[in-house]
Amino acid sequence: MQAMQRAFERGIGTETDGDGKAAYEPERTDDYRACYLDRVDRCVGSDPLCVTVADDLLAAAVDLAREQDLPRDRPVLDAENERARAFHGRHGFTRWGEVVARDL
């Protein structure tokens, strides 16, 4: 799992197409990338169960969904690529047609 997390963290923005790349432009400088990768290496190196901001955000979204009176107890997300589906899979989401979902 640590290797998958490191691969995810190191690949942010590398597979984004079209206009979506503009959102990553500030992060695409060599200095920013070196600083970011150093932080990831320190985090993962010091704690094999290191939690990223993305993990925290998804966990908070699932917690919020649990508090809602939803017609289904199942958040559904549009995971557009295998890397996104793998990330969501770490949080209990499974493929459901063209999307990923999980029971609350």
N, C-alpha and C. Protein backbone atom coordinates (compact mmCIF):
# COMPACT_ATOMS: atom_id res chain seq x y z
N MET A 1 0.83 -1.18 0.00
CA MET A 1 0.00 0.00 0.00
C MET A 1 0.88 1.25 0.00
N GLN A 2 2.00 1.20 0.71
CA GLN A 2 2.90 2.35 0.75
C GLN A 2 3.41 2.68 -0.65
N ALA A 3 3.73 1.68 -1.44
CA ALA A 3 4.21 1.91 -2.80
C ALA A 3 3.11 2.54 -3.66
N MET A 4 1.87 2.08 -3.48
CA MET A 4 0.75 2.66 -4.24
C MET A 4 0.54 4.12 -3.84
N GLN A 5 0.63 4.41 -2.55
CA GLN A 5 0.45 5.78 -2.09
C GLN A 5 1.53 6.68 -2.66
N ARG A 6 2.77 6.21 -2.61
CA ARG A 6 3.87 7.00 -3.14
C ARG A 6 3.68 7.25 -4.64
N ALA A 7 3.26 6.23 -5.39
CA ALA A 7 3.02 6.39 -6.83
C ALA A 7 1.92 7.40 -7.10
N PHE A 8 0.85 7.34 -6.29
CA PHE A 8 -0.25 8.30 -6.44
C PHE A 8 0.25 9.72 -6.19
N GLU A 9 0.95 9.91 -5.07
CA GLU A 9 1.43 11.23 -4.70
C GLU A 9 2.39 11.79 -5.75
N ARG A 10 3.26 10.95 -6.29
CA ARG A 10 4.24 11.41 -7.27
C ARG A 10 3.63 11.67 -8.65
N GLY A 11 2.44 11.12 -8.90
CA GLY A 11 1.85 11.25 -10.22
C GLY A 11 0.77 12.31 -10.34
N ILE A 12 0.54 13.09 -9.28
CA ILE A 12 -0.53 14.08 -9.31
C ILE A 12 -0.35 15.02 -10.49
N GLY A 13 -1.36 15.11 -11.31
CA GLY A 13 -1.37 16.04 -12.44
C GLY A 13 -0.69 15.55 -13.69
N THR A 14 -0.01 14.41 -13.64
CA THR A 14 0.74 13.97 -14.81
C THR A 14 -0.16 13.38 -15.89
N GLU A 15 -1.35 12.90 -15.52
CA GLU A 15 -2.24 12.27 -16.51
C GLU A 15 -3.47 13.12 -16.82
N THR A 16 -3.50 14.34 -16.32
CA THR A 16 -4.64 15.21 -16.57
C THR A 16 -4.55 15.75 -17.98
N ASP A 17 -5.68 15.73 -18.70
CA ASP A 17 -5.71 16.19 -20.08
C ASP A 17 -6.38 17.55 -20.20
N GLY A 18 -6.16 18.19 -21.32
CA GLY A 18 -6.87 19.40 -21.71
C GLY A 18 -6.76 20.53 -20.71
N ASP A 19 -7.90 21.24 -20.51
CA ASP A 19 -7.92 22.42 -19.65
C ASP A 19 -7.64 22.09 -18.19
N GLY A 20 -7.81 20.84 -17.80
CA GLY A 20 -7.55 20.45 -16.43
C GLY A 20 -6.10 20.64 -16.02
N LYS A 21 -5.19 20.61 -16.98
CA LYS A 21 -3.77 20.79 -16.67
C LYS A 21 -3.49 22.17 -16.09
N ALA A 22 -4.26 23.17 -16.46
CA ALA A 22 -4.02 24.53 -15.99
C ALA A 22 -4.09 24.60 -14.47
N ALA A 23 -4.93 23.80 -13.86
CA ALA A 23 -5.06 23.82 -12.41
C ALA A 23 -3.78 23.35 -11.73
N TYR A 24 -2.97 22.57 -12.43
CA TYR A 24 -1.73 22.04 -11.85
C TYR A 24 -0.50 22.86 -12.21
N GLU A 25 -0.64 23.87 -13.03
CA GLU A 25 0.53 24.62 -13.49
C GLU A 25 1.39 25.16 -12.35
N PRO A 26 0.81 25.76 -11.28
CA PRO A 26 1.69 26.24 -10.20
C PRO A 26 2.51 25.12 -9.56
N GLU A 27 2.01 23.89 -9.58
CA GLU A 27 2.70 22.77 -8.98
C GLU A 27 3.69 22.10 -9.93
N ARG A 28 3.78 22.57 -11.14
CA ARG A 28 4.61 21.87 -12.12
C ARG A 28 6.02 22.46 -12.23
N THR A 29 6.39 23.39 -11.35
CA THR A 29 7.75 23.90 -11.38
C THR A 29 8.67 22.88 -10.72
N ASP A 30 9.94 22.89 -11.10
CA ASP A 30 10.89 21.95 -10.54
C ASP A 30 11.06 22.15 -9.03
N ASP A 31 11.11 23.42 -8.59
CA ASP A 31 11.28 23.69 -7.15
C ASP A 31 10.09 23.19 -6.35
N TYR A 32 8.89 23.49 -6.83
CA TYR A 32 7.68 23.03 -6.11
C TYR A 32 7.65 21.51 -6.07
N ARG A 33 7.91 20.89 -7.18
CA ARG A 33 7.86 19.43 -7.25
C ARG A 33 8.89 18.80 -6.29
N ALA A 34 10.10 19.32 -6.26
CA ALA A 34 11.13 18.79 -5.37
C ALA A 34 10.71 18.94 -3.91
N CYS A 35 10.16 20.09 -3.56
CA CYS A 35 9.70 20.32 -2.18
C CYS A 35 8.55 19.37 -1.84
N TYR A 36 7.61 19.22 -2.75
CA TYR A 36 6.45 18.35 -2.52
C TYR A 36 6.89 16.89 -2.37
N LEU A 37 7.74 16.43 -3.27
CA LEU A 37 8.19 15.04 -3.20
C LEU A 37 9.01 14.78 -1.94
N ASP A 38 9.76 15.77 -1.49
CA ASP A 38 10.50 15.62 -0.24
C ASP A 38 9.53 15.45 0.92
N ARG A 39 8.45 16.24 0.94
CA ARG A 39 7.45 16.13 1.99
C ARG A 39 6.79 14.76 1.96
N VAL A 40 6.46 14.28 0.78
CA VAL A 40 5.84 12.95 0.64
C VAL A 40 6.79 11.88 1.15
N ASP A 41 8.05 11.96 0.75
CA ASP A 41 9.03 10.97 1.21
C ASP A 41 9.19 10.98 2.72
N ARG A 42 9.21 12.19 3.33
CA ARG A 42 9.33 12.27 4.79
C ARG A 42 8.10 11.69 5.46
N CYS A 43 6.92 12.01 4.94
CA CYS A 43 5.68 11.52 5.52
C CYS A 43 5.61 10.00 5.45
N VAL A 44 5.81 9.46 4.27
CA VAL A 44 5.72 8.02 4.08
C VAL A 44 6.88 7.31 4.79
N GLY A 45 8.06 7.92 4.77
CA GLY A 45 9.21 7.31 5.42
C GLY A 45 9.09 7.24 6.92
N SER A 46 8.43 8.23 7.53
CA SER A 46 8.32 8.24 8.98
C SER A 46 7.09 7.51 9.49
N ASP A 47 6.10 7.32 8.62
CA ASP A 47 4.86 6.67 9.06
C ASP A 47 4.27 5.89 7.90
N PRO A 48 4.40 4.56 7.91
CA PRO A 48 3.89 3.75 6.81
C PRO A 48 2.39 3.91 6.60
N LEU A 49 1.68 4.37 7.62
CA LEU A 49 0.23 4.58 7.49
C LEU A 49 -0.08 6.05 7.24
N CYS A 50 0.87 6.76 6.70
CA CYS A 50 0.75 8.19 6.44
C CYS A 50 -0.56 8.51 5.71
N VAL A 51 -1.23 9.54 6.19
CA VAL A 51 -2.49 9.96 5.59
C VAL A 51 -2.25 11.23 4.80
N THR A 52 -2.77 11.29 3.60
CA THR A 52 -2.61 12.48 2.77
C THR A 52 -3.84 13.37 2.90
N VAL A 53 -3.72 14.57 2.37
CA VAL A 53 -4.86 15.49 2.36
C VAL A 53 -6.03 14.86 1.61
N ALA A 54 -5.74 14.19 0.51
CA ALA A 54 -6.81 13.55 -0.27
C ALA A 54 -7.53 12.50 0.57
N ASP A 55 -6.77 11.72 1.35
CA ASP A 55 -7.39 10.72 2.23
C ASP A 55 -8.30 11.40 3.25
N ASP A 56 -7.80 12.49 3.85
CA ASP A 56 -8.59 13.21 4.85
C ASP A 56 -9.87 13.77 4.24
N LEU A 57 -9.76 14.34 3.05
CA LEU A 57 -10.94 14.92 2.40
C LEU A 57 -11.99 13.86 2.07
N LEU A 58 -11.55 12.73 1.55
CA LEU A 58 -12.50 11.68 1.20
C LEU A 58 -13.15 11.11 2.46
N ALA A 59 -12.37 10.91 3.52
CA ALA A 59 -12.93 10.42 4.78
C ALA A 59 -13.96 11.40 5.33
N ALA A 60 -13.67 12.70 5.24
CA ALA A 60 -14.62 13.72 5.71
C ALA A 60 -15.89 13.71 4.87
N ALA A 61 -15.76 13.51 3.56
CA ALA A 61 -16.93 13.45 2.68
C ALA A 61 -17.81 12.25 3.02
N VAL A 62 -17.18 11.10 3.29
CA VAL A 62 -17.94 9.90 3.65
C VAL A 62 -18.64 10.12 5.00
N ASP A 63 -17.92 10.72 5.95
CA ASP A 63 -18.53 11.01 7.25
C ASP A 63 -19.73 11.94 7.10
N LEU A 64 -19.59 12.96 6.28
CA LEU A 64 -20.70 13.89 6.04
C LEU A 64 -21.87 13.18 5.38
N ALA A 65 -21.60 12.32 4.44
CA ALA A 65 -22.67 11.57 3.77
C ALA A 65 -23.44 10.70 4.78
N ARG A 66 -22.72 10.15 5.76
CA ARG A 66 -23.38 9.33 6.79
C ARG A 66 -24.38 10.16 7.60
N GLU A 67 -24.08 11.44 7.78
CA GLU A 67 -24.93 12.32 8.58
C GLU A 67 -26.16 12.81 7.81
N GLN A 68 -26.18 12.63 6.50
CA GLN A 68 -27.26 13.13 5.66
C GLN A 68 -28.41 12.14 5.58
N ASP A 69 -29.59 12.65 5.32
CA ASP A 69 -30.75 11.80 5.06
C ASP A 69 -30.84 11.62 3.55
N LEU A 70 -30.10 10.64 3.05
CA LEU A 70 -30.00 10.42 1.62
C LEU A 70 -30.98 9.35 1.16
N PRO A 71 -31.43 9.42 -0.10
CA PRO A 71 -32.34 8.39 -0.60
C PRO A 71 -31.68 7.01 -0.65
N ARG A 72 -30.36 6.96 -0.77
CA ARG A 72 -29.60 5.72 -0.73
C ARG A 72 -28.41 5.93 0.19
N ASP A 73 -28.06 4.91 0.93
CA ASP A 73 -26.88 5.00 1.79
C ASP A 73 -25.66 4.57 1.00
N ARG A 74 -25.41 5.31 -0.09
CA ARG A 74 -24.32 4.93 -0.98
C ARG A 74 -23.83 6.16 -1.73
N PRO A 75 -22.65 6.69 -1.34
CA PRO A 75 -22.10 7.77 -2.17
C PRO A 75 -21.57 7.18 -3.49
N VAL A 76 -21.79 7.90 -4.56
CA VAL A 76 -21.36 7.47 -5.89
C VAL A 76 -20.45 8.56 -6.45
N LEU A 77 -19.28 8.17 -6.92
CA LEU A 77 -18.31 9.11 -7.46
C LEU A 77 -17.92 8.73 -8.87
N ASP A 78 -17.62 9.73 -9.66
CA ASP A 78 -17.17 9.51 -11.03
C ASP A 78 -15.65 9.48 -11.03
N ALA A 79 -15.07 8.30 -10.98
CA ALA A 79 -13.62 8.13 -11.00
C ALA A 79 -13.21 7.88 -12.44
N GLU A 80 -12.54 8.85 -13.04
CA GLU A 80 -12.31 8.83 -14.49
C GLU A 80 -11.16 7.97 -14.95
N ASN A 81 -10.26 7.56 -14.06
CA ASN A 81 -9.12 6.77 -14.51
C ASN A 81 -8.76 5.72 -13.46
N GLU A 82 -7.89 4.81 -13.83
CA GLU A 82 -7.54 3.71 -12.93
C GLU A 82 -6.88 4.20 -11.65
N ARG A 83 -6.07 5.24 -11.74
CA ARG A 83 -5.42 5.77 -10.55
C ARG A 83 -6.47 6.30 -9.56
N ALA A 84 -7.48 6.99 -10.06
CA ALA A 84 -8.56 7.48 -9.19
C ALA A 84 -9.35 6.32 -8.61
N ARG A 85 -9.64 5.31 -9.43
CA ARG A 85 -10.39 4.16 -8.92
C ARG A 85 -9.58 3.42 -7.86
N ALA A 86 -8.26 3.34 -8.02
CA ALA A 86 -7.42 2.68 -7.01
C ALA A 86 -7.43 3.47 -5.71
N PHE A 87 -7.36 4.79 -5.81
CA PHE A 87 -7.42 5.63 -4.61
C PHE A 87 -8.74 5.42 -3.88
N HIS A 88 -9.84 5.49 -4.61
CA HIS A 88 -11.15 5.31 -3.98
C HIS A 88 -11.30 3.89 -3.43
N GLY A 89 -10.70 2.92 -4.10
CA GLY A 89 -10.75 1.54 -3.63
C GLY A 89 -10.11 1.38 -2.26
N ARG A 90 -9.08 2.17 -1.98
CA ARG A 90 -8.46 2.13 -0.64
C ARG A 90 -9.44 2.56 0.43
N HIS A 91 -10.49 3.25 0.04
CA HIS A 91 -11.48 3.76 0.99
C HIS A 91 -12.80 2.97 0.92
N GLY A 92 -12.74 1.79 0.34
CA GLY A 92 -13.91 0.93 0.33
C GLY A 92 -14.84 1.09 -0.86
N PHE A 93 -14.50 1.95 -1.81
CA PHE A 93 -15.33 2.11 -3.00
C PHE A 93 -15.03 0.98 -3.98
N THR A 94 -16.06 0.51 -4.67
CA THR A 94 -15.89 -0.51 -5.70
C THR A 94 -16.57 -0.02 -6.97
N ARG A 95 -16.17 -0.62 -8.08
CA ARG A 95 -16.78 -0.24 -9.37
C ARG A 95 -18.26 -0.58 -9.35
N TRP A 96 -19.02 0.34 -9.86
CA TRP A 96 -20.47 0.19 -9.98
C TRP A 96 -20.82 0.78 -11.34
N GLY A 97 -20.75 -0.04 -12.37
CA GLY A 97 -20.94 0.47 -13.74
C GLY A 97 -19.75 1.33 -14.12
N GLU A 98 -20.04 2.55 -14.53
CA GLU A 98 -18.99 3.48 -14.95
C GLU A 98 -18.47 4.34 -13.80
N VAL A 99 -18.99 4.14 -12.59
CA VAL A 99 -18.61 4.95 -11.44
C VAL A 99 -18.10 4.04 -10.33
N VAL A 100 -17.72 4.64 -9.20
CA VAL A 100 -17.37 3.87 -8.00
C VAL A 100 -18.34 4.25 -6.90
N ALA A 101 -18.64 3.30 -6.03
CA ALA A 101 -19.59 3.54 -4.95
C ALA A 101 -19.20 2.71 -3.74
N ARG A 102 -19.77 3.05 -2.58
CA ARG A 102 -19.57 2.26 -1.38
C ARG A 102 -20.78 2.43 -0.48
N ASP A 103 -21.05 1.40 0.30
CA ASP A 103 -22.13 1.50 1.28
C ASP A 103 -21.63 2.33 2.45
N LEU A 104 -22.57 3.04 3.07
CA LEU A 104 -22.22 3.79 4.25
C LEU A 104 -22.41 2.91 5.47
